[in-house]
Amino acid sequence: MRTRVLGAFAATAAFAAVMATAPSASAEPNPPGCPKGNFCAYSGEDQTGTLLLSTPGNWSGTIHNVQSTFNNGNPFAGADHIQQAYRYDGRPYEVCLHYNPGPGTYKINWDNITLTGARWRGEC
């Protein structure tokens, strides 16, 4: 019995040591004009071209010809993911973006979407 307890303790300690030394995801640098804490949209792929939107809060409206979006939000339980609303070929869609650096998708290249909304939310 004592051997099992010691074995379980050793396994737990080894797992904790591995987790403590595991590399964490590193954030991508802030895209141009998109400070940490903001959601941003650009006219070019990979956050290039003209900055079309940079907002730290919820947003609604209409921005045509969006080529890329980026969630540069801060980790904050219940409000660090973006629910992005957009139109493509006249149809409405939504997608949830994690915050930079992930895990999960935090930036997307688009094919000329019309951005219609961005709402901060919890996990996707």
Protein backbone atom coordinates (compact mmCIF):
# COMPACT_ATOMS: atom_id res chain seq x y z
CA MET A 1 0.00 0.00 0.00
CA ARG A 2 2.74 2.42 0.97
CA THR A 3 4.58 1.65 -2.28
CA ARG A 4 1.50 2.59 -4.34
CA VAL A 5 1.11 5.89 -2.50
CA LEU A 6 4.78 6.75 -2.98
CA GLY A 7 4.57 5.74 -6.66
CA ALA A 8 1.53 7.94 -7.20
CA PHE A 9 3.23 10.83 -5.43
CA ALA A 10 6.35 10.42 -7.59
CA ALA A 11 4.26 10.37 -10.79
CA THR A 12 2.39 13.50 -9.70
CA ALA A 13 5.64 15.28 -8.85
CA ALA A 14 7.18 14.30 -12.21
CA PHE A 15 4.11 15.59 -14.10
CA ALA A 16 4.20 18.88 -12.17
CA ALA A 17 7.90 19.30 -12.98
CA VAL A 18 7.26 18.76 -16.70
CA MET A 19 4.36 21.25 -16.69
CA ALA A 20 6.44 23.84 -14.83
CA THR A 21 9.19 23.66 -17.45
CA ALA A 22 6.95 23.37 -20.53
CA PRO A 23 7.23 26.40 -22.80
CA SER A 24 4.17 28.64 -22.88
CA ALA A 25 2.79 30.16 -26.05
CA SER A 26 4.35 33.52 -26.77
CA ALA A 27 2.26 36.34 -28.08
CA GLU A 28 2.72 37.66 -31.57
CA PRO A 29 3.84 41.31 -31.71
CA ASN A 30 1.05 43.88 -31.89
CA PRO A 31 -0.03 44.40 -35.50
CA PRO A 32 0.27 47.98 -36.84
CA GLY A 33 -2.20 50.28 -35.05
CA CYS A 34 -3.63 47.45 -32.93
CA PRO A 35 -2.57 47.87 -29.29
CA LYS A 36 -2.95 45.01 -26.81
CA GLY A 37 -6.60 44.83 -25.73
CA ASN A 38 -8.07 45.69 -29.14
CA PHE A 39 -9.83 43.88 -31.97
CA CYS A 40 -8.64 45.08 -35.39
CA ALA A 41 -9.53 44.79 -39.07
CA TYR A 42 -7.31 45.53 -42.08
CA SER A 43 -7.67 46.06 -45.82
CA GLY A 44 -4.77 43.68 -46.58
CA GLU A 45 -3.91 40.09 -45.71
CA ASP A 46 -1.81 39.34 -42.63
CA GLN A 47 -2.70 42.65 -40.95
CA THR A 48 -1.33 44.82 -43.76
CA GLY A 49 -2.81 47.64 -45.79
CA THR A 50 -5.06 50.22 -44.18
CA LEU A 51 -6.20 49.78 -40.59
CA LEU A 52 -10.00 49.79 -40.93
CA LEU A 53 -10.95 49.25 -37.28
CA SER A 54 -9.21 49.18 -33.91
CA THR A 55 -11.56 48.88 -30.94
CA PRO A 56 -11.18 47.90 -27.28
CA GLY A 57 -14.95 47.50 -26.89
CA ASN A 58 -17.92 45.97 -28.64
CA TRP A 59 -18.54 47.39 -32.12
CA SER A 60 -21.28 47.27 -34.74
CA GLY A 61 -21.51 48.91 -38.13
CA THR A 62 -20.45 48.17 -41.69
CA ILE A 63 -16.92 47.98 -43.06
CA HIS A 64 -16.51 46.64 -46.59
CA ASN A 65 -13.53 44.88 -48.18
CA VAL A 66 -11.98 43.50 -44.99
CA GLN A 67 -9.04 41.20 -45.78
CA SER A 68 -7.85 40.28 -42.26
CA THR A 69 -8.92 40.50 -38.62
CA PHE A 70 -6.92 40.09 -35.41
CA ASN A 71 -7.99 39.65 -31.77
CA ASN A 72 -5.25 41.30 -29.72
CA GLY A 73 -7.32 41.09 -26.53
CA ASN A 74 -6.04 40.53 -23.02
CA PRO A 75 -6.75 37.34 -21.06
CA PHE A 76 -9.87 38.14 -19.04
CA ALA A 77 -12.36 35.47 -17.98
CA GLY A 78 -15.69 35.96 -19.72
CA ALA A 79 -14.55 38.75 -22.07
CA ASP A 80 -11.38 37.90 -23.99
CA HIS A 81 -12.73 36.22 -27.11
CA ILE A 82 -14.37 38.07 -30.02
CA GLN A 83 -17.64 37.01 -31.62
CA GLN A 84 -17.12 38.48 -35.08
CA ALA A 85 -20.14 39.02 -37.33
CA TYR A 86 -19.65 39.46 -41.08
CA ARG A 87 -21.28 39.07 -44.47
CA TYR A 88 -19.85 37.12 -47.39
CA ASP A 89 -21.66 36.78 -50.71
CA GLY A 90 -24.64 38.50 -49.10
CA ARG A 91 -25.01 35.91 -46.33
CA PRO A 92 -24.47 36.58 -42.61
CA TYR A 93 -21.92 34.54 -40.66
CA GLU A 94 -20.22 34.61 -37.27
CA VAL A 95 -16.91 33.28 -36.00
CA CYS A 96 -15.31 33.31 -32.57
CA LEU A 97 -11.65 34.34 -32.27
CA HIS A 98 -9.43 33.51 -29.29
CA TYR A 99 -7.04 36.19 -28.04
CA ASN A 100 -3.40 36.41 -29.16
CA PRO A 101 -1.44 34.04 -28.73
CA GLY A 102 -4.05 31.29 -28.67
CA PRO A 103 -4.46 28.37 -28.34
CA GLY A 104 -6.93 28.55 -31.14
CA THR A 105 -7.47 30.96 -33.98
CA TYR A 106 -6.87 34.61 -33.11
CA LYS A 107 -6.37 36.01 -36.63
CA ILE A 108 -7.94 35.27 -40.00
CA ASN A 109 -7.27 36.25 -43.61
CA TRP A 110 -10.53 36.86 -45.50
CA ASP A 111 -11.68 37.23 -49.09
CA ASN A 112 -13.31 40.67 -49.02
CA ILE A 113 -15.85 40.26 -46.25
CA THR A 114 -18.09 42.98 -44.87
CA LEU A 115 -17.50 43.27 -41.14
CA THR A 116 -20.76 43.98 -39.28
CA GLY A 117 -19.98 43.43 -35.62
CA ALA A 118 -17.54 42.45 -32.90
CA ARG A 119 -18.63 41.48 -29.40
CA TRP A 120 -16.34 40.47 -26.53
CA ARG A 121 -17.34 37.17 -24.92
CA GLY A 122 -16.06 34.18 -22.96
CA GLU A 123 -14.63 30.96 -24.34
CA CYS A 124 -15.59 29.91 -27.85
